Amino acid sequence: MQSQNPLVADFVKLANAAAGTFAGMTREAREGARERLKGALGGVDFVSRDEFEAVKAMAARAREEAEDLKARVARLEAERTNKG
């Protein structure tokens, strides 16, 4: 059932216009923030998840090798001390 009151109709039009304006302002604010963030981070290089995981695996292997070498050196030093 529609109201025949022009005041109510005008109020509904005003509310719809305000909602549309608010939606537009929200969209513009979001886009502006995105652009500012891009500008601020423009000089920063990011790596992909795959690259990160590959380097992480390399670092883990390097740690394991370092621990193995450390144990080997300790064993060799112990043998040298026992012989001398």
C-alpha atoms as a PDB file:
ATOM      1  CA  MET A   1       0.000   0.000   0.000  1.00  0.00           C
ATOM      2  CA  GLN A   2       1.581   3.245  -1.118  1.00  0.00           C
ATOM      3  CA  SER A   3       1.265   6.505   0.666  1.00  0.00           C
ATOM      4  CA  GLN A   4      -0.211   9.364  -1.274  1.00  0.00           C
ATOM      5  CA  ASN A   5       1.470  11.881   1.021  1.00  0.00           C
ATOM      6  CA  PRO A   6       4.001  13.930  -1.022  1.00  0.00           C
ATOM      7  CA  LEU A   7       6.013  14.644   2.134  1.00  0.00           C
ATOM      8  CA  VAL A   8       6.584  10.918   2.697  1.00  0.00           C
ATOM      9  CA  ALA A   9       7.447  10.416  -0.975  1.00  0.00           C
ATOM     10  CA  ASP A  10       9.967  13.259  -0.809  1.00  0.00           C
ATOM     11  CA  PHE A  11      11.451  11.814   2.360  1.00  0.00           C
ATOM     12  CA  VAL A  12      11.832   8.394   0.707  1.00  0.00           C
ATOM     13  CA  LYS A  13      13.530   9.997  -2.314  1.00  0.00           C
ATOM     14  CA  LEU A  14      15.867  11.912   0.009  1.00  0.00           C
ATOM     15  CA  ALA A  15      16.715   8.737   1.954  1.00  0.00           C
ATOM     16  CA  ASN A  16      17.442   6.850  -1.278  1.00  0.00           C
ATOM     17  CA  ALA A  17      19.640   9.660  -2.545  1.00  0.00           C
ATOM     18  CA  ALA A  18      21.509   9.791   0.764  1.00  0.00           C
ATOM     19  CA  ALA A  19      22.077   6.025   0.678  1.00  0.00           C
ATOM     20  CA  GLY A  20      23.435   6.249  -2.863  1.00  0.00           C
ATOM     21  CA  THR A  21      25.698   9.143  -1.929  1.00  0.00           C
ATOM     22  CA  PHE A  22      26.985   7.281   1.116  1.00  0.00           C
ATOM     23  CA  ALA A  23      27.694   4.184  -0.984  1.00  0.00           C
ATOM     24  CA  GLY A  24      29.617   6.298  -3.486  1.00  0.00           C
ATOM     25  CA  MET A  25      31.616   7.984  -0.740  1.00  0.00           C
ATOM     26  CA  THR A  26      32.471   4.600   0.759  1.00  0.00           C
ATOM     27  CA  ARG A  27      33.639   3.276  -2.602  1.00  0.00           C
ATOM     28  CA  GLU A  28      35.751   6.380  -3.261  1.00  0.00           C
ATOM     29  CA  ALA A  29      37.303   6.217   0.218  1.00  0.00           C
ATOM     30  CA  ARG A  30      38.195   2.549  -0.277  1.00  0.00           C
ATOM     31  CA  GLU A  31      39.773   3.238  -3.677  1.00  0.00           C
ATOM     32  CA  GLY A  32      41.659   6.239  -2.316  1.00  0.00           C
ATOM     33  CA  ALA A  33      43.030   4.207   0.586  1.00  0.00           C
ATOM     34  CA  ARG A  34      44.079   1.453  -1.810  1.00  0.00           C
ATOM     35  CA  GLU A  35      45.926   3.972  -4.001  1.00  0.00           C
ATOM     36  CA  ARG A  36      47.671   5.544  -0.993  1.00  0.00           C
ATOM     37  CA  LEU A  37      48.752   2.112   0.203  1.00  0.00           C
ATOM     38  CA  LYS A  38      50.092   1.247  -3.240  1.00  0.00           C
ATOM     39  CA  GLY A  39      52.043   4.506  -3.262  1.00  0.00           C
ATOM     40  CA  ALA A  40      53.459   3.919   0.202  1.00  0.00           C
ATOM     41  CA  LEU A  41      54.488   0.360  -0.619  1.00  0.00           C
ATOM     42  CA  GLY A  42      55.635   1.125  -4.152  1.00  0.00           C
ATOM     43  CA  GLY A  43      59.327   0.614  -3.421  1.00  0.00           C
ATOM     44  CA  VAL A  44      58.844  -2.557  -1.418  1.00  0.00           C
ATOM     45  CA  ASP A  45      59.446  -5.888  -3.115  1.00  0.00           C
ATOM     46  CA  PHE A  46      57.276  -8.775  -2.030  1.00  0.00           C
ATOM     47  CA  VAL A  47      57.942 -12.447  -2.631  1.00  0.00           C
ATOM     48  CA  SER A  48      55.444 -15.111  -3.526  1.00  0.00           C
ATOM     49  CA  ARG A  49      54.503 -17.884  -1.105  1.00  0.00           C
ATOM     50  CA  ASP A  50      56.379 -20.403  -3.302  1.00  0.00           C
ATOM     51  CA  GLU A  51      59.578 -18.339  -3.206  1.00  0.00           C
ATOM     52  CA  PHE A  52      59.283 -17.949   0.554  1.00  0.00           C
ATOM     53  CA  GLU A  53      58.782 -21.688   1.061  1.00  0.00           C
ATOM     54  CA  ALA A  54      61.770 -22.470  -1.193  1.00  0.00           C
ATOM     55  CA  VAL A  55      64.079 -20.169   0.780  1.00  0.00           C
ATOM     56  CA  LYS A  56      62.702 -21.531   4.049  1.00  0.00           C
ATOM     57  CA  ALA A  57      63.548 -25.086   2.910  1.00  0.00           C
ATOM     58  CA  MET A  58      67.047 -23.982   1.851  1.00  0.00           C
ATOM     59  CA  ALA A  59      67.621 -22.406   5.261  1.00  0.00           C
ATOM     60  CA  ALA A  60      66.469 -25.594   7.016  1.00  0.00           C
ATOM     61  CA  ARG A  61      68.893 -27.677   4.919  1.00  0.00           C
ATOM     62  CA  ALA A  62      71.715 -25.224   5.666  1.00  0.00           C
ATOM     63  CA  ARG A  63      71.001 -25.484   9.414  1.00  0.00           C
ATOM     64  CA  GLU A  64      71.068 -29.284   9.209  1.00  0.00           C
ATOM     65  CA  GLU A  65      74.364 -29.227   7.302  1.00  0.00           C
ATOM     66  CA  ALA A  66      75.852 -26.808   9.845  1.00  0.00           C
ATOM     67  CA  GLU A  67      74.810 -29.105  12.707  1.00  0.00           C
ATOM     68  CA  ASP A  68      76.295 -32.121  10.892  1.00  0.00           C
ATOM     69  CA  LEU A  69      79.565 -30.255  10.289  1.00  0.00           C
ATOM     70  CA  LYS A  70      79.669 -29.110  13.896  1.00  0.00           C
ATOM     71  CA  ALA A  71      79.296 -32.702  15.088  1.00  0.00           C
ATOM     72  CA  ARG A  72      81.956 -33.879  12.635  1.00  0.00           C
ATOM     73  CA  VAL A  73      84.442 -31.220  13.795  1.00  0.00           C
ATOM     74  CA  ALA A  74      83.774 -32.126  17.430  1.00  0.00           C
ATOM     75  CA  ARG A  75      84.341 -35.815  16.641  1.00  0.00           C
ATOM     76  CA  LEU A  76      87.586 -35.085  14.762  1.00  0.00           C
ATOM     77  CA  GLU A  77      88.850 -32.859  17.575  1.00  0.00           C
ATOM     78  CA  ALA A  78      88.042 -35.581  20.109  1.00  0.00           C
ATOM     79  CA  GLU A  79      89.946 -38.166  18.023  1.00  0.00           C
ATOM     80  CA  ARG A  80      92.913 -35.811  17.710  1.00  0.00           C
ATOM     81  CA  THR A  81      92.931 -35.152  21.444  1.00  0.00           C
ATOM     82  CA  ASN A  82      92.799 -38.880  22.215  1.00  0.00           C
ATOM     83  CA  LYS A  83      95.727 -39.632  19.856  1.00  0.00           C
ATOM     84  CA  GLY A  84      97.941 -36.834  21.074  1.00  0.00           C
END
